[in-house]
Protein backbone atom coordinates (compact mmCIF):
# COMPACT_ATOMS: atom_id res chain seq x y z
CA MET A 1 53.02 27.16 7.64
CA PRO A 2 53.11 26.22 4.03
CA LYS A 3 56.23 27.38 1.97
CA GLU A 4 55.45 25.45 -1.26
CA LYS A 5 56.56 28.29 -3.55
CA LYS A 6 58.63 31.41 -3.37
CA LEU A 7 56.45 34.53 -3.03
CA HIS A 8 57.69 37.94 -4.15
CA VAL A 9 55.99 41.10 -2.77
CA LEU A 10 56.47 44.79 -4.07
CA MET A 11 56.38 47.59 -1.43
CA VAL A 12 55.91 51.28 -2.46
CA SER A 13 56.68 54.28 -0.22
CA MET A 14 57.73 57.89 -0.29
CA ALA A 15 61.50 58.50 0.66
CA LEU A 16 60.66 59.70 4.23
CA GLN A 17 62.34 58.15 7.29
CA GLY A 18 58.98 57.62 9.02
CA HIS A 19 57.41 56.04 5.93
CA LEU A 20 60.15 53.74 4.96
CA ASN A 21 60.80 52.47 8.40
CA PRO A 22 57.65 50.51 8.80
CA MET A 23 58.06 49.06 5.28
CA PHE A 24 61.41 47.77 6.10
CA LYS A 25 60.21 46.36 9.38
CA PHE A 26 57.36 44.47 7.68
CA ALA A 27 59.83 43.39 4.90
CA LYS A 28 61.98 41.70 7.54
CA PHE A 29 59.18 39.82 9.07
CA LEU A 30 58.18 38.67 5.54
CA ILE A 31 61.56 37.44 4.57
CA SER A 32 61.80 35.46 7.84
CA LYS A 33 58.84 33.60 6.33
CA GLY A 34 60.58 32.98 3.12
CA VAL A 35 59.28 35.86 1.15
CA HIS A 36 61.23 37.87 -1.31
CA VAL A 37 60.66 41.68 -1.10
CA THR A 38 61.30 44.66 -3.36
CA ILE A 39 60.91 48.12 -2.01
CA ALA A 40 60.29 50.86 -4.56
CA THR A 41 60.75 54.47 -3.28
CA THR A 42 61.41 57.92 -4.86
CA GLU A 43 64.75 58.93 -6.41
CA ASP A 44 65.32 61.81 -4.04
CA GLY A 45 66.05 59.26 -1.21
CA ARG A 46 68.48 57.25 -3.16
CA TYR A 47 71.59 59.34 -2.28
CA ARG A 48 70.79 59.75 1.36
CA MET A 49 69.77 56.02 1.76
CA LEU A 50 72.86 54.63 0.10
CA LYS A 51 75.09 57.06 1.80
CA HIS A 52 73.92 56.58 5.33
CA THR A 53 72.28 53.07 5.33
CA LYS A 54 74.58 50.19 6.14
CA ASN A 55 74.69 47.12 4.05
CA ASN A 56 72.17 48.28 1.47
CA SER A 57 72.05 46.18 -1.66
CA THR A 58 71.02 46.53 -5.14
CA ASN A 59 72.00 42.87 -5.75
CA PRO A 60 69.15 41.12 -7.37
CA ASN A 61 69.88 38.08 -5.23
CA SER A 62 69.34 40.04 -1.97
CA GLU A 63 66.02 39.27 -0.20
CA ILE A 64 65.27 43.02 0.02
CA GLN A 65 65.77 44.57 -3.24
CA LEU A 66 65.69 48.43 -3.53
CA GLU A 67 64.36 50.21 -6.62
CA PHE A 68 63.83 53.83 -7.26
CA PHE A 69 61.46 55.96 -9.40
CA SER A 70 61.39 59.77 -10.03
CA ASP A 71 58.72 61.78 -8.21
CA GLY A 72 58.91 64.12 -11.22
CA LEU A 73 60.95 66.88 -9.49
CA ASN A 74 64.59 67.82 -9.75
CA ILE A 75 66.76 66.19 -7.16
CA ASP A 76 67.62 69.66 -5.55
CA PHE A 77 63.94 70.75 -5.47
CA ASP A 78 62.88 71.97 -1.93
CA ARG A 79 60.44 69.35 -0.86
CA SER A 80 59.26 71.31 2.03
CA ASP A 81 56.99 72.86 -0.64
CA THR A 82 54.49 70.01 -0.15
CA VAL A 83 51.88 71.51 -2.30
CA SER A 84 54.10 71.21 -5.39
CA MET A 85 55.59 67.91 -4.22
CA ILE A 86 52.30 66.15 -3.64
CA LYS A 87 50.86 67.50 -7.02
CA THR A 88 53.84 66.59 -9.01
CA ILE A 89 54.36 62.96 -7.62
CA ARG A 90 50.70 62.31 -8.41
CA GLU A 91 50.84 63.47 -11.90
CA LYS A 92 54.43 62.45 -12.95
CA GLY A 93 55.52 60.06 -10.21
CA SER A 94 52.49 57.73 -11.08
CA LYS A 95 53.72 57.35 -14.59
CA ASN A 96 57.29 56.68 -13.54
CA LEU A 97 56.13 54.03 -10.95
CA SER A 98 54.05 52.38 -13.65
CA ASN A 99 57.06 52.22 -15.86
CA LEU A 100 59.13 50.78 -13.03
CA ILE A 101 56.51 48.10 -12.30
CA ALA A 102 56.29 47.24 -15.92
CA ASN A 103 60.06 46.66 -16.19
CA LEU A 104 60.18 44.68 -12.90
CA THR A 105 57.27 42.41 -14.01
CA LYS A 106 59.36 41.31 -17.03
CA VAL A 107 61.49 39.41 -14.56
CA HIS A 108 59.38 39.01 -11.37
CA HIS A 109 56.13 37.82 -10.47
CA PHE A 110 54.68 39.86 -7.62
CA SER A 111 52.01 38.08 -5.60
CA CYS A 112 51.00 41.33 -3.97
CA ALA A 113 51.98 45.02 -3.68
CA ILE A 114 51.89 46.87 -0.42
CA VAL A 115 51.54 50.68 -0.59
CA ASN A 116 52.03 53.59 1.94
CA PRO A 117 48.73 55.47 2.74
CA PHE A 118 50.25 58.79 1.58
CA LEU A 119 50.55 57.59 -2.01
CA PRO A 120 46.92 56.83 -2.68
CA TRP A 121 47.26 57.15 -6.51
CA ALA A 122 49.70 54.12 -6.38
CA ILE A 123 46.81 51.93 -5.65
CA ASP A 124 45.34 52.68 -9.08
CA VAL A 125 48.76 52.09 -10.72
CA ILE A 126 49.07 48.72 -8.98
CA VAL A 127 45.59 47.56 -9.86
CA GLU A 128 46.30 48.52 -13.46
CA HIS A 129 49.17 46.00 -13.54
CA ASN A 130 46.74 43.29 -12.15
CA ILE A 131 48.59 42.96 -8.93
CA PRO A 132 46.55 42.47 -5.68
CA CYS A 133 47.04 45.55 -3.56
CA ALA A 134 47.43 45.81 0.17
CA LEU A 135 47.57 49.01 2.31
CA LEU A 136 50.20 49.24 5.16
CA TRP A 137 48.54 51.87 7.65
CA ILE A 138 51.56 53.26 9.38
CA GLN A 139 49.66 55.09 12.25
CA ALA A 140 47.51 53.81 15.04
CA CYS A 141 44.41 51.90 14.22
CA ALA A 142 42.54 54.60 16.10
CA VAL A 143 43.61 57.13 13.63
CA TYR A 144 42.55 54.94 10.77
CA SER A 145 39.09 54.77 12.28
CA ILE A 146 38.86 58.41 12.80
CA TYR A 147 39.69 59.26 9.24
CA TYR A 148 37.40 56.56 7.80
CA ARG A 149 34.45 57.59 9.94
CA HIS A 150 34.96 61.33 9.18
CA PHE A 151 35.58 61.10 5.43
CA ASN A 152 32.98 58.41 4.85
CA GLY A 153 30.28 60.15 6.95
CA THR A 154 29.57 57.11 9.16
CA ASN A 155 29.56 59.28 12.35
CA ILE A 156 28.55 62.64 13.42
CA PHE A 157 31.53 64.89 14.23
CA PRO A 158 31.17 68.37 16.05
CA ASN A 159 32.35 71.65 14.65
CA LEU A 160 35.96 71.04 13.81
CA GLU A 161 36.81 74.76 14.22
CA HIS A 162 36.19 74.52 17.98
CA PRO A 163 39.09 72.74 19.69
CA ASN A 164 37.26 72.15 22.95
CA GLU A 165 34.29 70.30 21.43
CA LYS A 166 33.83 66.74 22.52
CA VAL A 167 34.02 63.85 20.04
CA HIS A 168 32.47 60.45 20.81
CA LEU A 169 33.48 57.54 18.59
CA PRO A 170 33.17 53.70 18.90
CA GLY A 171 36.15 52.14 20.61
CA LEU A 172 37.81 55.26 21.67
CA PRO A 173 37.91 57.28 24.75
CA MET A 174 36.16 60.59 24.69
CA LEU A 175 38.30 63.04 22.67
CA GLU A 176 38.31 66.73 22.09
CA VAL A 177 38.64 68.22 18.57
CA ARG A 178 42.23 69.26 19.42
CA ASP A 179 43.04 65.46 19.88
CA LEU A 180 41.97 64.51 16.34
CA PRO A 181 44.52 63.95 13.50
CA SER A 182 45.27 67.35 12.14
CA PHE A 183 44.85 66.48 8.41
CA MET A 184 41.02 66.37 9.00
CA LEU A 185 40.92 69.79 10.48
CA PRO A 186 39.91 73.02 8.63
CA SER A 187 43.26 74.50 9.86
CA SER A 188 45.17 71.94 7.99
CA PRO A 189 46.46 72.69 4.49
CA CYS A 190 43.88 71.38 2.13
CA HIS A 191 46.35 69.27 0.12
CA PHE A 192 46.99 67.08 3.11
CA ARG A 193 43.29 66.70 3.65
CA GLN A 194 42.86 65.83 -0.01
CA VAL A 195 45.39 62.92 0.20
CA MET A 196 43.38 61.34 3.03
CA MET A 197 40.08 61.89 0.94
CA ASP A 198 41.81 60.20 -1.98
CA LEU A 199 42.87 57.28 0.04
CA MET A 200 39.51 56.67 1.58
CA LYS A 201 38.07 56.61 -1.93
CA ALA A 202 40.67 54.16 -3.09
CA LEU A 203 40.14 51.77 -0.11
CA SER A 204 37.55 49.74 -2.19
CA LYS A 205 40.33 48.64 -4.55
CA VAL A 206 42.56 47.31 -1.70
CA LYS A 207 42.40 43.81 -0.72
CA TRP A 208 43.97 43.94 2.71
CA VAL A 209 44.50 46.87 5.21
CA PHE A 210 47.41 46.03 7.56
CA GLY A 211 48.17 48.06 10.75
CA THR A 212 51.61 48.50 12.25
CA SER A 213 49.97 48.35 15.74
CA PHE A 214 48.81 45.11 17.54
CA TYR A 215 45.54 43.95 18.63
CA GLU A 216 46.15 43.89 22.39
CA ILE A 217 46.63 47.64 22.72
CA GLU A 218 43.82 48.51 20.30
CA GLU A 219 41.37 45.72 20.74
CA GLU A 220 38.24 47.80 20.98
CA ILE A 221 39.07 50.07 18.08
CA VAL A 222 39.95 47.00 15.85
CA LYS A 223 36.62 45.53 16.69
CA SER A 224 34.76 48.67 15.90
CA MET A 225 36.06 48.65 12.37
CA ASP A 226 35.22 44.98 11.62
CA SER A 227 31.81 45.72 10.01
CA LEU A 228 32.95 48.96 8.11
CA ALA A 229 36.57 48.57 6.73
CA PRO A 230 38.60 45.95 8.76
CA ILE A 231 42.14 46.56 9.70
CA VAL A 232 44.46 43.60 10.40
CA PRO A 233 47.17 44.41 13.10
CA ILE A 234 50.52 42.84 12.25
CA GLY A 235 52.69 44.77 14.59
CA PRO A 236 54.39 46.12 16.54
CA LEU A 237 56.54 46.60 13.39
CA VAL A 238 60.01 47.23 14.99
CA SER A 239 63.48 45.71 14.29
CA PRO A 240 63.68 42.04 15.34
CA PHE A 241 66.46 42.67 17.82
CA LEU A 242 64.11 44.77 19.90
CA LEU A 243 61.95 41.59 20.32
CA GLY A 244 64.78 39.55 21.27
CA GLU A 245 64.98 37.98 17.79
CA LYS A 246 67.77 37.55 15.31
CA GLU A 247 68.01 40.09 12.43
CA THR A 248 66.70 38.51 9.30
CA SER A 249 68.40 41.04 7.00
CA ASP A 250 71.36 43.42 7.01
CA VAL A 251 69.34 45.96 4.98
CA SER A 252 67.98 49.01 6.81
CA VAL A 253 67.19 52.61 6.20
CA ASP A 254 68.73 55.79 7.61
CA MET A 255 68.38 59.08 5.88
CA TRP A 256 70.97 60.71 8.27
CA ASN A 257 74.04 59.67 9.89
CA ALA A 258 73.36 58.29 13.38
CA GLU A 259 75.92 59.18 15.94
CA ASP A 260 76.55 55.75 17.54
CA HIS A 261 78.91 57.24 20.22
CA CYS A 262 75.82 58.07 22.30
CA ILE A 263 75.42 54.30 23.13
CA GLU A 264 79.04 54.28 24.71
CA TRP A 265 77.88 57.45 26.62
CA LEU A 266 74.79 55.67 27.94
CA ASP A 267 76.90 52.61 28.84
CA LYS A 268 78.52 54.79 31.58
CA LYS A 269 75.26 55.93 33.07
CA PRO A 270 73.36 54.22 35.96
CA ILE A 271 70.04 52.29 35.20
CA SER A 272 67.04 54.53 34.53
CA SER A 273 68.81 57.82 34.88
CA VAL A 274 68.79 59.43 31.47
CA ILE A 275 66.08 61.56 30.00
CA TYR A 276 65.97 60.95 26.25
CA VAL A 277 64.64 63.78 24.07
CA SER A 278 63.87 63.46 20.38
CA PHE A 279 61.16 64.91 18.14
CA GLY A 280 61.53 62.74 14.99
CA SER A 281 62.70 63.11 11.45
CA ILE A 282 60.42 65.96 10.33
CA LEU A 283 59.48 68.28 13.11
CA VAL A 284 61.81 71.26 13.62
CA LEU A 285 61.30 73.09 16.89
CA SER A 286 60.97 76.84 17.41
CA GLN A 287 63.44 78.81 19.35
CA ASN A 288 60.99 79.08 22.23
CA GLU A 289 60.40 75.37 22.40
CA VAL A 290 64.14 74.70 22.40
CA ASN A 291 64.64 77.35 25.19
CA ASN A 292 61.92 75.72 27.40
CA ILE A 293 63.34 72.17 27.04
CA ALA A 294 66.62 73.48 27.86
CA ALA A 295 65.45 75.25 30.94
CA ALA A 296 63.51 72.15 32.10
CA LEU A 297 66.48 69.98 31.68
CA LYS A 298 68.64 72.28 33.49
CA ASN A 299 66.29 72.57 36.38
CA ILE A 300 65.82 68.81 36.67
CA ASN A 301 69.58 68.25 36.91
CA LYS A 302 69.47 64.74 35.50
CA ALA A 303 71.47 63.26 32.62
CA PHE A 304 69.98 63.67 29.26
CA LEU A 305 70.45 62.67 25.66
CA TRP A 306 68.93 65.25 23.30
CA VAL A 307 68.63 64.88 19.54
CA VAL A 308 68.69 68.42 18.04
CA LYS A 309 68.41 67.94 14.38
CA PRO A 310 69.61 70.53 11.94
CA ALA A 311 66.72 72.25 10.06
CA ASP A 312 67.78 70.97 6.64
CA GLN A 313 67.27 67.39 7.90
CA GLY A 314 63.61 68.19 8.50
CA GLY A 315 62.94 69.51 5.11
CA GLU A 316 62.83 73.03 6.49
CA LYS A 317 64.87 76.05 5.56
CA GLU A 318 68.17 76.54 7.37
CA ASN A 319 67.36 79.83 8.80
CA SER A 320 64.46 78.20 10.81
CA ALA A 321 66.78 76.13 12.88
CA ALA A 322 66.67 76.94 16.62
CA LYS A 323 69.87 77.11 18.52
CA LEU A 324 70.71 75.82 22.00
CA PRO A 325 71.35 78.59 24.65
CA ASN A 326 75.17 78.95 25.05
CA GLU A 327 74.97 78.99 28.89
CA PHE A 328 72.92 75.88 28.73
CA MET A 329 75.68 73.93 26.88
CA GLU A 330 78.29 75.08 29.46
CA ILE A 331 76.14 74.29 32.55
CA THR A 332 75.09 70.86 31.41
CA LYS A 333 78.29 69.63 29.56
CA LYS A 334 78.98 67.02 32.21
CA SER A 335 75.46 65.70 32.47
CA GLY A 336 74.17 65.89 28.96
CA LEU A 337 74.95 64.84 25.41
CA VAL A 338 73.47 66.60 22.38
CA VAL A 339 73.50 64.90 19.00
CA LYS A 340 72.12 65.49 15.51
CA TRP A 341 70.71 61.97 15.06
CA CYS A 342 71.00 58.63 16.95
CA PRO A 343 70.12 55.00 16.56
CA GLN A 344 66.87 55.33 18.32
CA GLU A 345 65.88 51.70 18.82
CA LYS A 346 69.30 51.04 20.46
CA VAL A 347 68.89 54.05 22.71
CA LEU A 348 65.35 53.10 23.83
CA MET A 349 66.41 49.52 24.71
CA HIS A 350 69.34 50.88 26.80
CA PRO A 351 68.77 50.32 30.44
CA ALA A 352 70.10 53.78 31.32
CA VAL A 353 67.02 55.37 29.69
CA ALA A 354 64.41 56.50 32.26
CA CYS A 355 61.92 58.21 29.98
CA PHE A 356 61.37 59.51 26.43
CA VAL A 357 60.33 63.10 25.75
CA SER A 358 58.53 62.59 22.26
CA HIS A 359 56.55 64.13 19.57
CA CYS A 360 54.56 60.91 19.58
CA GLY A 361 55.16 59.81 16.11
CA TRP A 362 53.71 56.39 15.68
CA ASN A 363 56.96 54.62 14.75
CA SER A 364 58.44 55.96 18.00
CA MET A 365 55.52 55.13 20.05
CA LEU A 366 55.74 51.36 18.92
CA GLU A 367 59.39 51.40 19.70
CA THR A 368 58.64 52.89 23.10
CA VAL A 369 55.99 50.24 23.83
CA VAL A 370 58.30 47.44 22.95
CA THR A 371 61.22 48.74 25.15
CA GLY A 372 59.00 49.49 28.13
CA VAL A 373 60.07 53.19 28.31
CA PRO A 374 57.61 55.66 29.99
CA VAL A 375 56.60 58.60 27.74
CA VAL A 376 56.40 62.28 28.08
CA ALA A 377 54.01 63.01 25.18
CA TRP A 378 54.31 66.44 23.51
CA PRO A 379 52.41 66.17 20.16
CA SER A 380 52.58 68.69 17.36
CA TRP A 381 50.54 67.76 14.15
CA THR A 382 49.16 64.96 12.01
CA ASP A 383 48.45 61.77 14.03
CA GLN A 384 50.53 62.91 17.04
CA PRO A 385 47.64 64.49 19.16
CA THR A 386 45.71 61.33 18.94
CA ASN A 387 48.68 59.20 19.82
CA ALA A 388 49.34 61.30 22.80
CA THR A 389 45.76 60.84 23.98
CA LEU A 390 46.21 57.14 23.61
CA ILE A 391 49.32 57.20 25.56
CA ALA A 392 47.84 59.00 28.55
CA ASN A 393 44.33 57.65 28.55
CA VAL A 394 44.39 54.16 26.90
CA PHE A 395 47.82 52.69 27.10
CA GLN A 396 48.64 54.61 30.27
CA ASN A 397 52.43 54.29 29.74
CA GLY A 398 53.03 58.09 29.99
CA VAL A 399 51.73 61.60 30.54
CA LYS A 400 50.65 64.35 28.01
CA VAL A 401 52.31 67.77 28.15
CA ASN A 402 49.81 70.66 28.32
CA CYS A 403 50.46 73.58 26.04
CA GLY A 404 49.56 77.25 26.61
CA ASP A 405 47.32 79.28 24.44
CA ASP A 406 50.23 79.85 22.11
CA GLY A 407 50.59 76.18 21.56
CA ILE A 408 53.97 75.95 23.40
CA ALA A 409 54.67 74.13 26.64
CA SER A 410 56.37 76.13 29.34
CA ALA A 411 59.56 75.01 31.00
CA GLU A 412 57.69 74.40 34.25
CA GLU A 413 55.16 72.06 32.44
CA ILE A 414 57.90 70.13 30.66
CA GLU A 415 59.75 69.70 34.03
CA ARG A 416 56.53 68.59 35.73
CA CYS A 417 55.79 65.92 33.17
CA ILE A 418 59.35 64.59 33.38
CA ARG A 419 59.25 64.28 37.02
CA ASP A 420 55.84 62.60 36.93
CA VAL A 421 57.07 59.65 34.97
CA THR A 422 60.48 59.35 36.74
CA GLU A 423 60.03 60.26 40.36
CA GLY A 424 56.34 61.41 40.99
CA PRO A 425 53.74 59.53 42.91
CA HIS A 426 52.53 57.69 39.74
CA ALA A 427 56.01 57.02 38.31
CA GLU A 428 56.12 53.43 39.54
CA GLU A 429 52.52 52.72 38.20
CA ILE A 430 53.40 54.14 34.80
CA LYS A 431 56.69 52.01 34.68
CA LYS A 432 54.76 48.97 35.62
CA ARG A 433 52.16 49.57 32.87
CA ALA A 434 55.00 50.31 30.38
CA MET A 435 56.57 46.88 31.16
CA GLU A 436 53.16 45.10 30.92
CA LEU A 437 52.81 46.58 27.35
CA LYS A 438 56.35 45.44 26.54
CA GLU A 439 55.55 41.80 27.40
CA SER A 440 52.33 42.01 25.49
CA ALA A 441 54.12 43.33 22.41
CA LYS A 442 56.53 40.52 22.37
CA LYS A 443 53.90 37.71 22.81
CA THR A 444 51.73 38.90 19.93
CA LEU A 445 54.64 38.24 17.43
CA LYS A 446 55.71 34.94 18.69
CA GLU A 447 54.20 31.85 17.07
CA GLY A 448 50.69 31.63 18.16
CA GLY A 449 50.39 35.29 18.99
CA THR A 450 47.77 37.49 17.29
CA SER A 451 50.02 39.35 14.91
CA SER A 452 52.01 36.30 14.10
CA LYS A 453 48.77 34.52 13.14
CA ASN A 454 47.69 37.46 11.00
CA ILE A 455 50.96 37.53 9.05
CA ASN A 456 50.88 33.76 8.65
CA GLN A 457 47.38 33.97 7.31
CA PHE A 458 48.39 36.71 4.73
CA ILE A 459 51.16 34.62 3.43
CA SER A 460 49.03 31.51 3.25
CA ASP A 461 46.40 33.43 1.35
CA LEU A 462 49.00 34.57 -1.22
CA ILE A 463 50.36 30.97 -1.61
CA VAL A 464 46.85 29.46 -2.41
CA GLY A 465 45.63 32.68 -4.34
CA ASN A 466 43.00 33.36 -1.73
CA ILE A 467 42.48 37.05 -2.42
CA PRO A 468 39.85 38.53 -0.10
CA ALA A 469 37.11 40.72 -1.55
CA ARG A 470 36.43 44.13 0.03
CA ALA A 471 33.45 46.23 -0.32
């Protein structure tokens, strides 16, 4: 593909692990094509990123340049107060981002700026600086479709206060209201819903919408959006080494210290023998949930690697942290390993891992697809319920945990699901499907694959100045 001139792309994201990860992954694909990338994020993430991220660089000659702007809050402000955080970053962070861009454009020419969907106001800032704007949708294309159809009124939805009501939408299996992304539900805090509403209003100013998913697993959904608000899959956005490729940059992002010794522990375990349990970078489990997982793991009597994140790492208050039962630690000390954080991609690609008990965050789901690991889907909020339904009914690479009326899964249910994907009558079929998805994911990013073509087309458009128009 043409490389007549050096392109420079600006990326803008909040300093959250699950938001920055896909930006960094996309950046690595772009620099492999000869593009310079600057990633701008909020100041509150600077300390954690530079402390825990290996080989970060503020060297202007680095292909990924890190820049920071204030979200308008003190560094010690409790950002679990999402109402204040979202309000302040919209009012003050937008001015600070604009000032940063003004300074950067004195020395750089940005061919395009790519924004995170949870900063919809950033689209206006970028447009004001006459930079073509793209959106990187960091959830499933299915979730993009659901939000768009709901907030733009293109489809009829049932009463969203009734979780058992059926939902029929193009390109999707039949859903229930409980399977919809939580930010559109009446039970969701209104400031989250407002962010999605603001984003949908701003879409007309965006020239491209890219999805971190890939065409082959969401084909019908992508097709269903072509006549409304097209989304272009460029994923799966994972680290190149997961795809068998060479890393294009040393720069990465970790908000917390990963305990690498867990890889050495896995090295000593037989193939497909370890249950991996992790609920992502934000969610903090209740004491009942922790107790039920512990009981299930004890009853199964298999090796396990469990990430139990301290509450302060999830943006919650320390006294909300659940503790592992003392007797559980004693009984399982030979078969299990508990860590605060781990290098998840390396864990998932390890042959010792048999399955992944997950909250179904989209980044984790893409990593699971690429590594061919079966999933026990236990969603909580935001896009996770929809992702869990995709896993069980569309991708068919795992099973979904059924929760009780209190919203908590019993120890027996957790145990049943783990056994289903590791030793049950459907375990072999689920593993086969997981491996099929793995091969499909690798092919789509190879030269000639669907996502590879989409990325190449984007870069070609930037080179020749072919900026698409969107309604």
